[in-house]
Amino acid sequence: MTAFSDGVFAIAVTLLVLEIQPPHDFGHLVRGLGALWPSYLAYMLSFLLIGQVWVNHHVMFDRVRHVDRGVLVLNTLLLMVIAFLPFSTSLLAEALRAEQGLRPSVVVYGGTLWTAAALFNIIWAHLRRTELLDPDLGPFGVRAIGRRFALALVWIGSGVLVGAFVPIAGVVIIAAFLPAYYLPIRGEYGEDDRPPADN
């Protein structure tokens, strides 16, 4: 399952670059390349966001003993949303370039990411309910990872809400989500659930 998921993540990040089309006027190539800045920005943001989702996908499934049909179905839905991100990225880049339609494009872009975050929470809840998690990950680690996934809903949701009124501010809030969720958190490896070593 993780190998298939990794393949979808790899394809999604590869498709992002296809949105960046070379300028047609090679007589003014430097100016044309500079005018593509919205595409560069959207590409960089989405590549790093998909990478972040991939990292946390592994964090989650590294703590799973085995999966059932429910997990496979939910993971398929998550991958469907990830595969939609290249379209959302293209929409955001075109809106930035045209300086029109920014509000709906930010809502669609952020809404795609929010849906992915919601599916993370649903999958995690299912894993907990069906006791599919590795027993080495004790209550502290389970709660720590669950809190991180829940916070993502609030964080991205805030970006979507703000972006519906102030598009650039919404993008900034969503982008600020990146560094925080690349970093490890205390307890995600079960270290705080281990009994103290004997002296």
Protein backbone atom coordinates (compact mmCIF):
# COMPACT_ATOMS: atom_id res chain seq x y z
CA MET A 1 0.00 0.00 0.00
CA THR A 2 2.75 2.44 0.88
CA ALA A 3 4.60 1.60 -2.36
CA PHE A 4 1.48 2.40 -4.39
CA SER A 5 0.95 5.59 -2.37
CA ASP A 6 4.56 6.65 -2.92
CA GLY A 7 4.03 6.20 -6.66
CA VAL A 8 0.99 8.50 -6.64
CA PHE A 9 2.88 11.13 -4.63
CA ALA A 10 5.79 10.93 -7.10
CA ILE A 11 3.50 11.34 -10.11
CA ALA A 12 1.66 14.26 -8.49
CA VAL A 13 4.85 16.25 -7.83
CA THR A 14 6.10 15.46 -11.34
CA LEU A 15 2.89 16.72 -12.95
CA LEU A 16 3.30 20.06 -11.16
CA VAL A 17 6.15 21.12 -13.42
CA LEU A 18 4.10 20.50 -16.57
CA GLU A 19 2.03 23.57 -15.70
CA ILE A 20 5.07 25.79 -16.28
CA GLN A 21 5.12 26.45 -20.02
CA PRO A 22 8.12 28.16 -21.69
CA PRO A 23 7.54 31.66 -23.09
CA HIS A 24 6.66 31.87 -26.80
CA ASP A 25 8.52 35.11 -27.45
CA PHE A 26 12.21 34.16 -27.44
CA GLY A 27 13.07 37.70 -28.50
CA HIS A 28 12.23 38.79 -24.96
CA LEU A 29 13.06 35.56 -23.16
CA VAL A 30 14.27 37.05 -19.88
CA ARG A 31 11.11 39.14 -19.53
CA GLY A 32 8.99 36.12 -20.41
CA LEU A 33 10.73 33.93 -17.85
CA GLY A 34 10.22 36.60 -15.21
CA ALA A 35 6.52 36.81 -16.03
CA LEU A 36 6.17 33.16 -15.07
CA TRP A 37 6.77 33.94 -11.38
CA PRO A 38 3.21 32.88 -10.37
CA SER A 39 3.89 29.44 -11.83
CA TYR A 40 7.24 29.18 -10.02
CA LEU A 41 5.60 30.21 -6.75
CA ALA A 42 2.68 27.80 -7.06
CA TYR A 43 5.01 24.98 -8.15
CA MET A 44 7.35 25.46 -5.19
CA LEU A 45 4.50 25.74 -2.68
CA SER A 46 2.69 22.66 -3.97
CA PHE A 47 5.83 20.55 -4.32
CA LEU A 48 6.77 21.24 -0.70
CA LEU A 49 3.19 20.69 0.50
CA ILE A 50 2.90 17.35 -1.29
CA GLY A 51 6.30 16.43 0.13
CA GLN A 52 5.04 17.31 3.59
CA VAL A 53 1.94 15.17 3.11
CA TRP A 54 4.19 12.31 1.96
CA VAL A 55 6.39 12.66 5.07
CA ASN A 56 3.39 12.60 7.42
CA HIS A 57 1.83 9.74 5.46
CA HIS A 58 4.91 7.68 6.30
CA VAL A 59 4.85 8.86 9.91
CA MET A 60 1.30 7.56 10.15
CA PHE A 61 1.71 4.24 8.37
CA ASP A 62 5.06 3.43 10.00
CA ARG A 63 2.99 3.01 13.17
CA VAL A 64 0.51 0.54 11.65
CA ARG A 65 0.74 -3.25 12.12
CA HIS A 66 -1.46 -4.08 9.12
CA VAL A 67 -4.30 -2.49 7.14
CA ASP A 68 -7.89 -3.53 6.51
CA ARG A 69 -10.22 -2.80 3.62
CA GLY A 70 -11.43 0.39 5.28
CA VAL A 71 -7.91 1.80 5.41
CA LEU A 72 -7.34 0.90 1.76
CA VAL A 73 -10.52 2.70 0.70
CA LEU A 74 -9.78 5.79 2.80
CA ASN A 75 -6.18 5.90 1.56
CA THR A 76 -7.45 5.70 -2.02
CA LEU A 77 -9.63 8.75 -1.38
CA LEU A 78 -6.62 10.57 0.08
CA LEU A 79 -4.53 9.77 -3.00
CA MET A 80 -7.38 10.98 -5.23
CA VAL A 81 -7.19 14.36 -3.50
CA ILE A 82 -3.39 14.47 -3.83
CA ALA A 83 -3.67 13.71 -7.55
CA PHE A 84 -6.04 16.71 -7.86
CA LEU A 85 -3.44 19.14 -6.48
CA PRO A 86 -1.69 19.77 -9.85
CA PHE A 87 -5.00 21.16 -11.16
CA SER A 88 -5.48 23.32 -8.04
CA THR A 89 -1.91 24.55 -8.43
CA SER A 90 -2.44 25.46 -12.08
CA LEU A 91 -5.65 27.29 -11.17
CA LEU A 92 -3.85 29.32 -8.48
CA ALA A 93 -0.95 30.17 -10.79
CA GLU A 94 -3.25 31.33 -13.60
CA ALA A 95 -5.29 33.47 -11.21
CA LEU A 96 -2.12 35.10 -9.86
CA ARG A 97 -0.93 35.76 -13.40
CA ALA A 98 -4.26 37.19 -14.56
CA GLU A 99 -4.84 39.06 -11.27
CA GLN A 100 -8.44 37.84 -11.46
CA GLY A 101 -10.36 35.08 -9.72
CA LEU A 102 -7.89 34.97 -6.85
CA ARG A 103 -10.49 34.41 -4.13
CA PRO A 104 -12.11 31.30 -5.63
CA SER A 105 -8.74 29.91 -6.74
CA VAL A 106 -7.31 30.20 -3.20
CA VAL A 107 -10.46 28.59 -1.80
CA VAL A 108 -10.18 25.68 -4.27
CA TYR A 109 -6.46 25.29 -3.56
CA GLY A 110 -6.84 25.47 0.21
CA GLY A 111 -9.97 23.36 0.09
CA THR A 112 -8.05 20.60 -1.66
CA LEU A 113 -5.42 20.63 1.10
CA TRP A 114 -8.10 20.80 3.81
CA THR A 115 -9.81 17.73 2.33
CA ALA A 116 -6.48 15.86 2.45
CA ALA A 117 -6.06 16.89 6.11
CA ALA A 118 -9.61 15.73 6.89
CA LEU A 119 -8.87 12.33 5.36
CA PHE A 120 -5.70 12.07 7.48
CA ASN A 121 -7.86 12.57 10.56
CA ILE A 122 -10.44 10.03 9.39
CA ILE A 123 -7.77 7.43 8.64
CA TRP A 124 -6.10 8.00 12.02
CA ALA A 125 -9.43 7.67 13.82
CA HIS A 126 -10.14 4.44 11.95
CA LEU A 127 -6.71 3.04 12.82
CA ARG A 128 -7.28 3.81 16.49
CA ARG A 129 -10.82 2.44 16.55
CA THR A 130 -9.90 -0.83 14.83
CA GLU A 131 -6.70 -1.24 16.91
CA LEU A 132 -4.45 -1.48 13.87
CA LEU A 133 -1.70 0.68 15.39
CA ASP A 134 1.61 -0.74 16.55
CA PRO A 135 1.34 -1.46 20.29
CA ASP A 136 4.79 0.11 20.77
CA LEU A 137 3.11 3.46 20.08
CA GLY A 138 1.48 4.11 23.43
CA PRO A 139 -1.24 6.58 24.45
CA PHE A 140 1.07 9.62 24.53
CA GLY A 141 2.25 9.07 20.94
CA VAL A 142 -1.26 8.31 19.69
CA ARG A 143 -2.56 11.55 21.20
CA ALA A 144 0.42 13.59 19.95
CA ILE A 145 -0.03 12.47 16.34
CA GLY A 146 -3.80 12.90 16.59
CA ARG A 147 -3.42 16.46 17.88
CA ARG A 148 -1.08 17.32 15.02
CA PHE A 149 -3.52 16.01 12.42
CA ALA A 150 -6.43 17.86 14.08
CA LEU A 151 -4.47 21.12 14.20
CA ALA A 152 -3.90 20.85 10.44
CA LEU A 153 -7.66 21.11 9.88
CA VAL A 154 -7.83 24.35 11.87
CA TRP A 155 -4.67 25.80 10.33
CA ILE A 156 -5.56 25.13 6.70
CA GLY A 157 -9.21 25.96 7.34
CA SER A 158 -8.13 29.36 8.64
CA GLY A 159 -6.14 29.92 5.44
CA VAL A 160 -9.16 29.03 3.31
CA LEU A 161 -11.45 31.31 5.31
CA VAL A 162 -9.05 34.26 5.19
CA GLY A 163 -8.28 33.56 1.52
CA ALA A 164 -11.96 33.92 0.65
CA PHE A 165 -11.65 37.60 1.61
CA VAL A 166 -7.91 38.41 1.38
CA PRO A 167 -6.42 35.88 -1.08
CA ILE A 168 -2.71 36.62 -0.59
CA ALA A 169 -3.07 36.47 3.21
CA GLY A 170 -4.77 33.09 2.84
CA VAL A 171 -1.88 31.77 0.76
CA VAL A 172 0.60 33.06 3.37
CA ILE A 173 -1.26 31.25 6.17
CA ILE A 174 -1.28 28.00 4.18
CA ALA A 175 2.41 28.42 3.29
CA ALA A 176 3.27 28.97 6.97
CA PHE A 177 1.91 25.47 7.54
CA LEU A 178 4.94 24.03 5.73
CA PRO A 179 7.86 24.30 8.18
CA ALA A 180 5.83 23.30 11.22
CA TYR A 181 4.67 20.03 9.70
CA TYR A 182 8.04 18.98 8.32
CA LEU A 183 9.48 18.95 11.83
CA PRO A 184 9.12 15.92 14.11
CA ILE A 185 7.04 16.19 17.26
CA ARG A 186 7.63 14.77 20.71
CA GLY A 187 6.09 11.34 21.12
CA GLU A 188 5.57 10.40 17.48
CA TYR A 189 8.10 7.57 17.81
CA GLY A 190 6.62 6.33 21.08
CA GLU A 191 9.64 7.50 23.07
CA ASP A 192 7.49 9.00 25.85
CA ASP A 193 5.52 5.78 26.24
CA ARG A 194 8.53 3.57 26.93
CA PRO A 195 9.14 2.48 30.52
CA PRO A 196 12.29 3.94 32.11
CA ALA A 197 15.40 1.81 31.69
CA ASP A 198 16.66 -0.06 34.75
CA ASN A 199 19.84 1.33 36.27
